[in-house]
Amino acid sequence: MRSRLSRLGSSTATYVGLVALSALVILPLGWMFTVALTPDDTNVFTNPPPWFPTEYWEWENFGRALFDPSRPFILYLANTVFLEVFVVFGSLVSCAIVAYPLARMRFKGRDVVFTIIVLTMLIPWQAMMIPQFVVFYELGWYGSYLPLIVPAYTGSAFFVFLIRQYMKTIPMELDEAARLDGAGHFRIFWSIILPLSKPALAVCAVFTFLGTWNDLLGPVIYLNRQDQFTAAVGLAGFVSIQNQEYNLLMAANLITIVPVVILYFVAQKYLIGGIASMGLKG
């Protein structure tokens, strides 16, 4: 009886803690939803903050945020999706190709190459920002999406590390059996290792998607036309010194959250398995 009460108390404390932690995420989203439904002349910075509109709910704020001719947020979302397709694909292809020989092949200097790749993670992007801008500007890429897309095809040290660590957990006997059947490295990589590495690839794909979706500095530096702007840049345009449309800003924010939530639920099983398996083998 005592052990049963102890387990019940432990479970209750666990659920209470989870509810409290969930409130830290849910309450700000609830406030955003409330502000998104308020009229234009509403003061949203009151104490205590409003939780539900007192007069009527302005559902058309979501349509206004998306289809305003002077600030076509729907176009910004389409531009962001366009970038995501090329950036995520390029990042996965380049990182997987680099990670495979570092994990499955034996050659002189392999560990040195891997160490150099890992050490590049110590260089902050801010230190390379100006040299990269000069290079891309001299190539004539300023004002296009190329500076945002092409670097994804050169690989990311962090994702190479993650995929390599996961590939090392796959038994080497699979490679040896494939070689006995006459398969080369490309066939082994494409038909065996890559399908088995789906959890690691899913983790990298989600991280790349989130990084590109939330990236503000890159598009601000390289894009100079409004019809090229991404969703992050579009969000920044809702609030300025002359124009403070917090209700439309929150409506647009909620719209940008929807694709991320959908992506998480679609890739959830791969994310859990991939993150749990990372680093099991050095």
Protein backbone atom coordinates (compact mmCIF):
# COMPACT_ATOMS: atom_id res chain seq x y z
CA MET A 1 0.00 0.00 0.00
CA ARG A 2 2.80 2.39 0.92
CA SER A 3 4.70 1.68 -2.32
CA ARG A 4 1.52 2.24 -4.30
CA LEU A 5 0.96 5.63 -2.67
CA SER A 6 4.61 6.48 -3.31
CA ARG A 7 4.27 5.67 -7.02
CA LEU A 8 1.03 7.68 -7.18
CA GLY A 9 2.70 10.67 -5.54
CA SER A 10 5.68 10.43 -7.87
CA SER A 11 3.43 10.25 -10.94
CA THR A 12 1.37 13.20 -9.72
CA ALA A 13 4.48 15.30 -9.14
CA THR A 14 5.76 14.38 -12.60
CA TYR A 15 2.52 15.39 -14.31
CA VAL A 16 2.31 18.63 -12.34
CA GLY A 17 5.86 19.47 -13.38
CA LEU A 18 5.10 18.69 -17.04
CA VAL A 19 1.98 20.88 -16.96
CA ALA A 20 3.97 23.74 -15.41
CA LEU A 21 6.67 23.45 -18.07
CA SER A 22 4.06 23.23 -20.83
CA ALA A 23 2.48 26.44 -19.55
CA LEU A 24 5.76 28.27 -20.26
CA VAL A 25 5.21 27.51 -23.95
CA ILE A 26 1.41 27.56 -24.18
CA LEU A 27 0.79 30.86 -22.35
CA PRO A 28 2.91 33.01 -24.74
CA LEU A 29 1.19 31.32 -27.69
CA GLY A 30 -2.18 32.09 -26.10
CA TRP A 31 -1.22 35.75 -25.73
CA MET A 32 -0.08 35.84 -29.36
CA PHE A 33 -3.41 34.36 -30.43
CA THR A 34 -5.30 36.96 -28.39
CA VAL A 35 -3.32 39.87 -29.85
CA ALA A 36 -3.81 38.49 -33.37
CA LEU A 37 -7.60 38.77 -32.94
CA THR A 38 -7.69 42.31 -31.55
CA PRO A 39 -8.70 45.44 -33.56
CA ASP A 40 -6.05 47.83 -34.81
CA ASP A 41 -6.54 50.48 -32.12
CA THR A 42 -6.23 48.09 -29.15
CA ASN A 43 -3.47 48.61 -26.59
CA VAL A 44 -2.03 45.10 -26.20
CA PHE A 45 0.61 46.10 -23.63
CA THR A 46 -1.63 46.39 -20.59
CA ASN A 47 -1.07 45.12 -17.08
CA PRO A 48 -2.31 42.43 -16.74
CA PRO A 49 -2.06 41.50 -20.43
CA PRO A 50 -5.31 40.72 -22.28
CA TRP A 51 -6.18 37.08 -22.89
CA PHE A 52 -9.35 37.29 -24.94
CA PRO A 53 -10.74 40.18 -27.02
CA THR A 54 -13.43 41.96 -25.05
CA GLU A 55 -15.50 43.24 -28.00
CA TYR A 56 -15.23 40.98 -31.04
CA TRP A 57 -12.67 38.74 -32.65
CA GLU A 58 -10.96 40.08 -35.78
CA TRP A 59 -10.46 36.82 -37.70
CA GLU A 60 -9.84 38.82 -40.86
CA ASN A 61 -6.48 39.89 -39.37
CA PHE A 62 -5.03 36.60 -40.65
CA GLY A 63 -6.21 37.40 -44.18
CA ARG A 64 -4.93 40.95 -43.92
CA ALA A 65 -1.53 39.71 -42.77
CA LEU A 66 -1.30 37.31 -45.71
CA PHE A 67 -2.73 39.29 -48.61
CA ASP A 68 -1.95 42.96 -47.92
CA PRO A 69 -0.89 44.32 -51.37
CA SER A 70 1.68 46.65 -49.84
CA ARG A 71 3.25 43.79 -47.86
CA PRO A 72 2.43 40.45 -49.54
CA PHE A 73 3.29 38.03 -46.74
CA ILE A 74 1.95 35.11 -48.76
CA LEU A 75 4.70 35.85 -51.31
CA TYR A 76 7.30 35.92 -48.54
CA LEU A 77 6.14 32.49 -47.40
CA ALA A 78 6.40 31.17 -50.96
CA ASN A 79 9.94 32.57 -51.25
CA THR A 80 10.90 30.87 -47.99
CA VAL A 81 9.51 27.51 -49.15
CA PHE A 82 11.47 27.92 -52.40
CA LEU A 83 14.66 28.44 -50.39
CA GLU A 84 13.88 25.52 -48.09
CA VAL A 85 13.63 23.03 -50.95
CA PHE A 86 17.10 23.82 -52.30
CA VAL A 87 18.83 24.41 -48.96
CA VAL A 88 17.55 21.26 -47.24
CA PHE A 89 18.26 19.09 -50.29
CA GLY A 90 21.75 20.53 -50.75
CA SER A 91 22.63 20.21 -47.07
CA LEU A 92 21.55 16.56 -46.86
CA VAL A 93 23.32 15.53 -50.08
CA SER A 94 26.60 17.27 -49.33
CA CYS A 95 26.78 16.24 -45.67
CA ALA A 96 25.87 12.61 -46.35
CA ILE A 97 28.47 12.34 -49.13
CA VAL A 98 31.19 13.72 -46.84
CA ALA A 99 30.10 11.67 -43.80
CA TYR A 100 30.10 8.31 -45.62
CA PRO A 101 33.86 7.98 -46.26
CA LEU A 102 34.65 9.36 -42.81
CA ALA A 103 32.49 6.65 -41.23
CA ARG A 104 32.75 3.62 -43.52
CA MET A 105 36.10 3.87 -45.37
CA ARG A 106 39.65 3.49 -44.13
CA PHE A 107 42.22 5.80 -45.69
CA LYS A 108 45.32 7.62 -44.54
CA GLY A 109 44.56 10.92 -42.85
CA ARG A 110 40.86 10.17 -42.27
CA ASP A 111 40.92 11.18 -38.62
CA VAL A 112 42.91 14.32 -39.42
CA VAL A 113 40.34 15.37 -42.01
CA PHE A 114 37.49 14.72 -39.59
CA THR A 115 39.26 16.72 -36.87
CA ILE A 116 39.73 19.68 -39.20
CA ILE A 117 36.05 19.55 -40.18
CA VAL A 118 34.99 19.53 -36.53
CA LEU A 119 37.35 22.40 -35.68
CA THR A 120 35.65 24.60 -38.27
CA MET A 121 32.62 24.66 -35.97
CA LEU A 122 34.67 26.90 -33.66
CA ILE A 123 34.63 29.69 -36.27
CA PRO A 124 31.50 31.83 -35.77
CA TRP A 125 29.51 32.81 -38.83
CA GLN A 126 29.84 36.47 -37.86
CA ALA A 127 33.62 36.21 -38.43
CA MET A 128 33.06 34.99 -42.01
CA MET A 129 30.15 37.29 -42.79
CA ILE A 130 32.12 40.14 -44.38
CA PRO A 131 34.56 37.94 -46.39
CA GLN A 132 31.63 35.90 -47.70
CA PHE A 133 29.75 39.03 -48.68
CA VAL A 134 32.78 40.36 -50.59
CA VAL A 135 33.16 37.05 -52.45
CA PHE A 136 29.49 36.79 -53.36
CA TYR A 137 29.35 40.45 -54.37
CA GLU A 138 32.36 40.07 -56.68
CA LEU A 139 30.71 37.01 -58.23
CA GLY A 140 27.66 39.13 -59.02
CA TRP A 141 25.38 37.15 -56.74
CA TYR A 142 24.23 40.10 -54.62
CA GLY A 143 20.49 40.55 -54.96
CA SER A 144 19.84 36.88 -55.71
CA TYR A 145 19.16 33.70 -53.72
CA LEU A 146 22.50 32.13 -54.66
CA PRO A 147 24.39 33.33 -51.52
CA LEU A 148 21.67 31.68 -49.41
CA ILE A 149 21.54 28.42 -51.41
CA VAL A 150 25.07 27.63 -52.60
CA PRO A 151 26.71 27.38 -49.12
CA ALA A 152 24.29 24.54 -48.29
CA TYR A 153 25.93 22.47 -51.05
CA THR A 154 29.36 22.81 -49.41
CA GLY A 155 28.27 20.89 -46.30
CA SER A 156 27.94 21.77 -42.63
CA ALA A 157 30.51 20.54 -40.12
CA PHE A 158 27.87 19.97 -37.45
CA PHE A 159 25.64 17.86 -39.70
CA VAL A 160 28.63 15.94 -41.09
CA PHE A 161 29.54 15.09 -37.51
CA LEU A 162 26.00 13.93 -36.66
CA ILE A 163 25.57 11.79 -39.79
CA ARG A 164 29.05 10.32 -39.45
CA GLN A 165 28.41 9.32 -35.84
CA TYR A 166 25.17 7.62 -36.85
CA MET A 167 26.70 5.82 -39.81
CA LYS A 168 29.37 4.38 -37.53
CA THR A 169 26.64 2.58 -35.55
CA ILE A 170 25.63 0.57 -38.66
CA PRO A 171 27.36 -2.86 -38.64
CA MET A 172 30.32 -3.13 -41.02
CA GLU A 173 29.19 -6.66 -41.92
CA LEU A 174 26.60 -5.10 -44.23
CA ASP A 175 29.35 -3.46 -46.29
CA GLU A 176 31.38 -6.68 -46.43
CA ALA A 177 28.36 -8.69 -47.58
CA ALA A 178 27.59 -6.12 -50.27
CA ARG A 179 31.19 -6.21 -51.54
CA LEU A 180 30.99 -9.98 -51.85
CA ASP A 181 28.00 -9.44 -54.15
CA GLY A 182 30.06 -7.05 -56.27
CA ALA A 183 28.72 -3.73 -54.94
CA GLY A 184 30.99 -0.70 -54.99
CA HIS A 185 31.12 2.21 -52.59
CA PHE A 186 28.44 4.20 -54.39
CA ARG A 187 26.03 1.24 -54.43
CA ILE A 188 26.68 0.53 -50.74
CA PHE A 189 26.18 4.21 -49.91
CA TRP A 190 23.00 4.61 -51.95
CA SER A 191 21.27 1.26 -51.36
CA ILE A 192 22.35 0.32 -47.83
CA ILE A 193 23.85 3.10 -45.71
CA LEU A 194 21.64 5.98 -46.84
CA PRO A 195 18.29 4.17 -46.24
CA LEU A 196 19.50 3.03 -42.81
CA SER A 197 20.53 6.60 -41.95
CA LYS A 198 17.04 8.08 -42.32
CA PRO A 199 16.77 9.06 -38.61
CA ALA A 200 20.04 11.02 -38.76
CA LEU A 201 19.07 12.61 -42.06
CA ALA A 202 15.68 13.57 -40.60
CA VAL A 203 17.36 15.31 -37.66
CA CYS A 204 19.62 17.27 -40.00
CA ALA A 205 16.72 18.09 -42.32
CA VAL A 206 14.61 19.49 -39.48
CA PHE A 207 17.49 21.53 -38.06
CA THR A 208 18.29 22.90 -41.53
CA PHE A 209 14.63 23.71 -42.14
CA LEU A 210 14.34 25.59 -38.86
CA GLY A 211 17.59 27.47 -39.42
CA THR A 212 16.52 28.61 -42.89
CA TRP A 213 12.93 29.34 -41.84
CA ASN A 214 14.05 31.61 -39.00
CA ASP A 215 17.05 33.17 -40.74
CA LEU A 216 16.78 36.95 -40.80
CA LEU A 217 20.35 38.21 -41.14
CA GLY A 218 21.22 36.32 -44.34
CA PRO A 219 18.24 37.54 -46.40
CA VAL A 220 18.65 41.09 -45.05
CA ILE A 221 22.29 41.14 -46.22
CA TYR A 222 21.88 39.63 -49.69
CA LEU A 223 18.33 40.44 -50.84
CA ASN A 224 17.50 43.96 -52.01
CA ARG A 225 14.02 43.64 -53.57
CA GLN A 226 10.73 43.29 -51.73
CA ASP A 227 9.51 40.50 -54.00
CA GLN A 228 12.52 38.42 -52.87
CA PHE A 229 11.98 38.79 -49.11
CA THR A 230 11.50 35.76 -46.89
CA ALA A 231 9.02 35.27 -44.05
CA ALA A 232 11.53 36.37 -41.39
CA VAL A 233 12.14 39.65 -43.21
CA GLY A 234 8.41 40.08 -43.76
CA LEU A 235 7.72 39.72 -40.05
CA ALA A 236 10.17 42.50 -39.27
CA GLY A 237 8.21 44.80 -41.60
CA PHE A 238 5.02 44.67 -39.53
CA VAL A 239 6.44 46.88 -36.77
CA SER A 240 8.36 50.09 -37.35
CA ILE A 241 8.53 53.55 -35.82
CA GLN A 242 5.72 54.80 -38.04
CA ASN A 243 3.69 51.61 -38.23
CA GLN A 244 3.09 49.35 -35.21
CA GLU A 245 0.64 46.67 -36.29
CA TYR A 246 1.15 44.18 -33.47
CA ASN A 247 -2.10 42.35 -34.21
CA LEU A 248 -1.02 41.62 -37.79
CA LEU A 249 2.48 40.76 -36.58
CA MET A 250 1.12 38.13 -34.19
CA ALA A 251 -1.23 36.77 -36.85
CA ALA A 252 1.70 36.38 -39.25
CA ASN A 253 3.79 34.82 -36.47
CA LEU A 254 1.13 32.19 -35.83
CA ILE A 255 0.94 31.44 -39.55
CA THR A 256 4.70 30.85 -39.71
CA ILE A 257 4.50 28.46 -36.76
CA VAL A 258 2.07 26.12 -38.56
CA PRO A 259 4.59 24.61 -41.06
CA VAL A 260 7.08 23.98 -38.26
CA VAL A 261 4.48 22.15 -36.16
CA ILE A 262 3.40 20.06 -39.15
CA LEU A 263 7.03 19.18 -39.92
CA TYR A 264 7.62 18.09 -36.33
CA PHE A 265 4.65 15.72 -36.29
CA VAL A 266 5.58 14.27 -39.69
CA ALA A 267 9.21 13.64 -38.70
CA GLN A 268 8.60 12.89 -35.02
CA LYS A 269 9.40 9.16 -35.09
CA TYR A 270 12.61 9.77 -37.04
CA LEU A 271 13.65 12.62 -34.75
CA ILE A 272 13.31 10.59 -31.57
CA GLY A 273 15.18 7.61 -33.00
CA GLY A 274 17.86 9.75 -34.63
CA ILE A 275 18.65 11.89 -31.60
CA ALA A 276 18.67 8.83 -29.31
CA SER A 277 21.16 7.04 -31.57
CA MET A 278 23.61 9.93 -32.08
CA GLY A 279 27.00 9.42 -30.51
CA LEU A 280 26.51 5.76 -29.54
CA LYS A 281 29.78 4.91 -31.26
CA GLY A 282 32.83 7.14 -31.39
